[in-house]
Amino acid sequence: MRPHSYGDYRLNAEHHLESISGRKFYDLSITRNVASLLISAILLIVIFFSVSSAYKKNHGRAPRGIQSFFEPIILFVRDDIAKPNIGPKYARYMPYLLTVFFFIWFNNLLGLMPGGANLTGNIAVTLVLALITLLIVLFSSNKYYWQHIFATPGVPLWLLPIMIPVEIIGIFTKPFSLMVRLFANITAGHIIILSLFSLIFIFKSIAVGPVVVAFALFMNVLELLVAILQAYVFTMLSAMYIGSAVEEHAHADHGIGHEHSVEGEKYGH
């Protein structure tokens, strides 16, 4: 048997499976990122079905067990992220906001475990999350959202040819910033930790070891904070973008509503 081969199959230099005889086949083996994605999905399903079941059993009573840990976080996402940024229509978007918050948080934590995959440091994953937010914004948008883009109230007509392309670009730069921000922040932390450990081999001295380990532990603890912070930032910005698409602001933002109210008071209406 050849090294790294079995029957008609072998691993090439890129560690991809190929046929020795050139026969066509499809390699459906999963990567570490896919495995991490499946693990996080199973964790989310198991944990939140448990929380839902506990909530139904303890309805009207103080939360207990795993429910007592996650319920305050769920209420935080609802009361401090969804309601202020989306408004009265927040309830229909809560499933997505909760899913994306806990998905990012769980995978950030899994990426810090020894042997764990840095899933949120994979730009393909952050791209998909950003695209989902973009699709929700576009399919939830009302006429006032598009009016703000193509006929911004209060903007002179001669300025619209400049403003319209800028607003259209803004539609796509928002999810792009979501994608890059999450990818860059998570990747940067891992790069710093790896760079610290590489100093041991660069200086070829054991004396550097304790200092490097101390700084690496500090960065690891800092990454625990960054893990939930990035989940919060992504969820909050997604809620803000959704809120701007569903807001029924009409002309109130430009003082027109205020002028009508003043006239009403003047004439006793």
Protein backbone atom coordinates (compact mmCIF):
# COMPACT_ATOMS: atom_id res chain seq x y z
CA MET A 1 0.00 0.00 0.00
CA ARG A 2 1.28 3.42 -0.90
CA PRO A 3 1.63 6.09 1.84
CA HIS A 4 -1.62 7.99 2.41
CA SER A 5 -3.48 5.81 -0.05
CA TYR A 6 -6.16 3.15 0.12
CA GLY A 7 -7.16 1.12 -2.90
CA ASP A 8 -7.76 3.50 -5.79
CA TYR A 9 -7.72 6.62 -3.58
CA ARG A 10 -4.94 8.76 -2.14
CA LEU A 11 -4.32 12.17 -0.56
CA ASN A 12 -2.61 14.68 -2.82
CA ALA A 13 -0.22 17.47 -1.75
CA GLU A 14 -3.17 19.67 -0.73
CA HIS A 15 -4.54 16.78 1.40
CA HIS A 16 -7.50 16.37 -0.96
CA LEU A 17 -8.74 12.91 -1.89
CA GLU A 18 -8.16 11.89 -5.49
CA SER A 19 -8.44 8.76 -7.60
CA ILE A 20 -5.17 7.12 -8.66
CA SER A 21 -6.73 5.80 -11.88
CA GLY A 22 -8.29 9.19 -12.66
CA ARG A 23 -11.85 7.96 -12.06
CA LYS A 24 -14.33 10.76 -11.29
CA PHE A 25 -15.83 10.86 -7.78
CA TYR A 26 -17.18 13.35 -5.25
CA ASP A 27 -15.39 13.93 -1.97
CA LEU A 28 -18.08 14.57 0.67
CA SER A 29 -15.77 14.41 3.68
CA ILE A 30 -16.33 17.26 6.13
CA THR A 31 -13.77 19.81 7.24
CA ARG A 32 -13.09 20.96 10.78
CA ASN A 33 -15.15 24.09 10.13
CA VAL A 34 -18.13 22.01 9.02
CA ALA A 35 -17.77 19.80 12.11
CA SER A 36 -17.70 22.89 14.32
CA LEU A 37 -20.77 24.24 12.54
CA LEU A 38 -22.67 21.01 13.17
CA ILE A 39 -21.59 20.90 16.83
CA SER A 40 -22.71 24.49 17.43
CA ALA A 41 -26.04 23.81 15.69
CA ILE A 42 -26.66 20.76 17.88
CA LEU A 43 -25.71 22.76 20.99
CA LEU A 44 -28.13 25.54 20.05
CA ILE A 45 -30.97 23.10 19.43
CA VAL A 46 -30.43 21.10 22.63
CA ILE A 47 -29.91 24.14 24.89
CA PHE A 48 -32.82 26.21 23.64
CA PHE A 49 -35.28 23.35 23.51
CA SER A 50 -34.31 22.76 27.14
CA VAL A 51 -34.77 26.46 27.96
CA SER A 52 -38.14 26.50 26.18
CA SER A 53 -39.29 23.40 28.05
CA ALA A 54 -38.16 24.85 31.38
CA TYR A 55 -39.95 28.13 30.63
CA LYS A 56 -43.23 26.31 29.99
CA LYS A 57 -42.89 24.28 33.20
CA ASN A 58 -41.88 27.28 35.35
CA HIS A 59 -44.26 29.79 33.75
CA GLY A 60 -45.04 32.50 36.30
CA ARG A 61 -42.29 31.31 38.62
CA ALA A 62 -38.61 32.18 39.02
CA PRO A 63 -36.39 30.57 36.35
CA ARG A 64 -34.34 27.56 37.43
CA GLY A 65 -31.35 25.65 36.10
CA ILE A 66 -30.17 26.41 32.58
CA GLN A 67 -33.15 28.72 32.07
CA SER A 68 -31.89 31.05 34.82
CA PHE A 69 -28.63 31.56 32.89
CA PHE A 70 -30.00 32.13 29.39
CA GLU A 71 -33.25 33.97 30.13
CA PRO A 72 -31.54 37.25 31.19
CA ILE A 73 -29.45 37.17 28.01
CA ILE A 74 -32.55 36.56 25.87
CA LEU A 75 -34.33 39.45 27.60
CA PHE A 76 -31.25 41.62 27.04
CA VAL A 77 -31.35 40.93 23.29
CA ARG A 78 -35.07 41.73 23.27
CA ASP A 79 -35.12 44.82 25.49
CA ASP A 80 -31.75 46.41 24.71
CA ILE A 81 -31.16 45.42 21.08
CA ALA A 82 -34.42 44.57 19.28
CA LYS A 83 -36.92 46.99 20.82
CA PRO A 84 -34.82 50.20 20.71
CA ASN A 85 -33.50 49.60 17.18
CA ILE A 86 -36.48 48.02 15.41
CA GLY A 87 -39.46 49.41 17.29
CA PRO A 88 -42.99 47.97 17.49
CA LYS A 89 -42.30 45.32 14.82
CA TYR A 90 -39.39 43.81 16.77
CA ALA A 91 -41.15 40.52 17.63
CA ARG A 92 -41.08 39.08 14.10
CA TYR A 93 -37.27 39.52 13.94
CA MET A 94 -36.47 38.13 17.41
CA PRO A 95 -35.90 34.52 16.18
CA TYR A 96 -33.21 35.69 13.75
CA LEU A 97 -31.55 38.09 16.20
CA LEU A 98 -31.43 35.46 18.96
CA THR A 99 -30.14 32.82 16.54
CA VAL A 100 -27.36 34.99 15.14
CA PHE A 101 -26.36 36.26 18.61
CA PHE A 102 -25.98 32.82 20.18
CA PHE A 103 -24.57 31.25 16.99
CA ILE A 104 -21.73 33.78 16.87
CA TRP A 105 -21.15 33.65 20.63
CA PHE A 106 -21.05 29.84 20.80
CA ASN A 107 -18.74 29.52 17.82
CA ASN A 108 -16.43 32.23 19.18
CA LEU A 109 -16.14 30.23 22.40
CA LEU A 110 -15.66 26.93 20.55
CA GLY A 111 -12.86 28.55 18.55
CA LEU A 112 -10.97 29.27 21.79
CA MET A 113 -10.98 25.62 22.87
CA PRO A 114 -7.88 23.50 22.14
CA GLY A 115 -8.33 21.91 18.73
CA GLY A 116 -11.41 24.00 18.04
CA ALA A 117 -12.14 25.46 14.61
CA ASN A 118 -12.10 29.23 14.19
CA LEU A 119 -15.47 29.22 12.41
CA THR A 120 -16.29 32.92 12.79
CA GLY A 121 -12.76 33.67 11.60
CA ASN A 122 -13.74 32.10 8.26
CA ILE A 123 -14.85 34.90 5.93
CA ALA A 124 -17.21 32.55 4.07
CA VAL A 125 -19.22 32.08 7.28
CA THR A 126 -19.36 35.79 8.08
CA LEU A 127 -20.30 36.45 4.44
CA VAL A 128 -23.35 34.17 4.71
CA LEU A 129 -24.43 35.79 7.99
CA ALA A 130 -24.11 39.26 6.44
CA LEU A 131 -26.03 38.16 3.33
CA ILE A 132 -28.88 36.85 5.49
CA THR A 133 -29.08 40.23 7.22
CA LEU A 134 -29.07 41.98 3.83
CA LEU A 135 -31.89 39.77 2.50
CA ILE A 136 -34.00 40.39 5.62
CA VAL A 137 -33.47 44.14 5.25
CA LEU A 138 -34.39 44.14 1.54
CA PHE A 139 -37.47 41.92 1.90
CA SER A 140 -38.69 43.80 5.00
CA SER A 141 -38.17 47.30 3.64
CA ASN A 142 -41.15 49.62 3.16
CA LYS A 143 -41.78 52.50 0.78
CA TYR A 144 -40.19 55.03 3.13
CA TYR A 145 -36.92 53.10 3.05
CA TRP A 146 -36.76 53.23 -0.75
CA GLN A 147 -37.98 56.82 -0.77
CA HIS A 148 -35.04 57.75 1.43
CA ILE A 149 -32.71 56.13 -1.12
CA PHE A 150 -34.19 57.35 -4.42
CA ALA A 151 -35.93 60.58 -3.35
CA THR A 152 -34.42 61.67 -0.06
CA PRO A 153 -36.72 64.26 1.56
CA GLY A 154 -35.10 67.65 2.01
CA VAL A 155 -32.39 67.04 -0.61
CA PRO A 156 -32.35 69.42 -3.65
CA LEU A 157 -33.14 67.78 -7.00
CA TRP A 158 -29.75 68.69 -8.45
CA LEU A 159 -28.06 66.71 -5.65
CA LEU A 160 -30.07 63.50 -6.19
CA PRO A 161 -27.83 62.17 -9.03
CA ILE A 162 -24.99 62.17 -6.50
CA MET A 163 -26.99 60.97 -3.48
CA ILE A 164 -28.75 58.03 -5.17
CA PRO A 165 -25.53 56.14 -6.11
CA VAL A 166 -24.13 56.85 -2.63
CA GLU A 167 -27.28 55.46 -0.97
CA ILE A 168 -27.27 52.37 -3.23
CA ILE A 169 -23.62 51.70 -2.39
CA GLY A 170 -24.56 52.12 1.28
CA ILE A 171 -27.03 49.23 0.99
CA PHE A 172 -24.15 46.86 0.24
CA THR A 173 -21.41 48.44 2.36
CA LYS A 174 -23.44 47.84 5.53
CA PRO A 175 -23.43 44.02 5.24
CA PHE A 176 -19.86 44.19 3.94
CA SER A 177 -18.83 45.96 7.15
CA LEU A 178 -20.67 43.28 9.17
CA MET A 179 -18.76 40.57 7.35
CA VAL A 180 -15.31 42.15 7.65
CA ARG A 181 -15.72 43.38 11.25
CA LEU A 182 -16.57 39.94 12.66
CA PHE A 183 -13.97 38.14 10.53
CA ALA A 184 -11.17 40.62 11.28
CA ASN A 185 -11.74 40.90 15.03
CA ILE A 186 -11.92 37.17 15.63
CA THR A 187 -8.98 36.39 13.33
CA ALA A 188 -6.84 39.15 14.87
CA GLY A 189 -7.10 37.66 18.35
CA HIS A 190 -6.01 34.22 17.16
CA ILE A 191 -3.12 35.70 15.16
CA ILE A 192 -1.87 37.61 18.22
CA ILE A 193 -1.91 34.46 20.39
CA LEU A 194 -0.08 32.44 17.71
CA SER A 195 2.44 35.26 17.28
CA LEU A 196 3.14 35.28 21.00
CA PHE A 197 3.85 31.54 21.05
CA SER A 198 6.06 31.86 17.97
CA LEU A 199 8.37 34.16 19.97
CA ILE A 200 9.58 31.10 21.90
CA PHE A 201 10.87 29.53 18.69
CA ILE A 202 12.19 32.82 17.29
CA PHE A 203 14.31 33.61 20.38
CA LYS A 204 15.09 29.90 20.97
CA SER A 205 15.05 30.50 24.70
CA ILE A 206 13.06 28.84 27.47
CA ALA A 207 13.34 32.06 29.50
CA VAL A 208 10.89 33.72 27.13
CA GLY A 209 8.34 30.98 27.80
CA PRO A 210 6.79 32.23 31.08
CA VAL A 211 6.39 35.76 29.72
CA VAL A 212 4.81 34.51 26.51
CA VAL A 213 2.45 32.18 28.36
CA ALA A 214 1.38 35.00 30.70
CA PHE A 215 0.59 37.32 27.78
CA ALA A 216 -1.13 34.50 25.87
CA LEU A 217 -3.34 33.71 28.88
CA PHE A 218 -4.22 37.40 29.17
CA MET A 219 -5.14 37.50 25.47
CA ASN A 220 -7.19 34.33 25.87
CA VAL A 221 -9.19 35.89 28.71
CA LEU A 222 -9.60 39.02 26.60
CA GLU A 223 -10.88 36.84 23.76
CA LEU A 224 -13.65 35.58 26.06
CA LEU A 225 -14.85 39.18 26.33
CA VAL A 226 -14.43 39.75 22.59
CA ALA A 227 -16.45 36.57 21.90
CA ILE A 228 -19.65 37.98 23.39
CA LEU A 229 -18.85 41.57 22.40
CA GLN A 230 -18.67 40.67 18.69
CA ALA A 231 -21.92 38.70 18.97
CA TYR A 232 -23.52 41.79 20.51
CA VAL A 233 -22.11 44.18 17.87
CA PHE A 234 -23.22 41.99 14.94
CA THR A 235 -26.71 41.56 16.40
CA MET A 236 -27.10 45.23 17.29
CA LEU A 237 -26.01 46.45 13.84
CA SER A 238 -28.30 43.90 12.17
CA ALA A 239 -31.19 45.21 14.29
CA MET A 240 -30.31 48.79 13.35
CA TYR A 241 -30.28 47.97 9.62
CA ILE A 242 -33.60 46.11 9.92
CA GLY A 243 -35.05 48.98 11.94
CA SER A 244 -34.13 51.51 9.26
CA ALA A 245 -35.94 49.36 6.68
CA VAL A 246 -39.21 48.91 8.61
CA GLU A 247 -39.43 52.32 10.27
CA GLU A 248 -42.63 54.22 9.46
CA HIS A 249 -40.95 57.62 9.72
CA ALA A 250 -42.50 59.27 6.63
CA HIS A 251 -41.65 62.98 6.83
CA ALA A 252 -41.46 63.27 10.61
CA ASP A 253 -37.65 63.15 10.57
CA HIS A 254 -37.56 66.37 8.56
CA GLY A 255 -39.76 68.46 10.87
CA ILE A 256 -42.89 68.30 8.69
CA GLY A 257 -44.89 66.46 11.33
CA HIS A 258 -43.74 68.97 13.94
CA GLU A 259 -44.93 71.87 11.78
CA HIS A 260 -48.40 70.31 11.44
CA SER A 261 -48.64 69.80 15.20
CA VAL A 262 -47.72 73.46 15.81
CA GLU A 263 -50.36 74.60 13.31
CA GLY A 264 -52.91 72.36 15.00
CA GLU A 265 -52.20 73.92 18.38
CA LYS A 266 -52.41 77.40 16.83
CA TYR A 267 -55.91 76.84 15.40
CA GLY A 268 -57.15 74.76 18.32
CA HIS A 269 -57.11 71.34 16.57
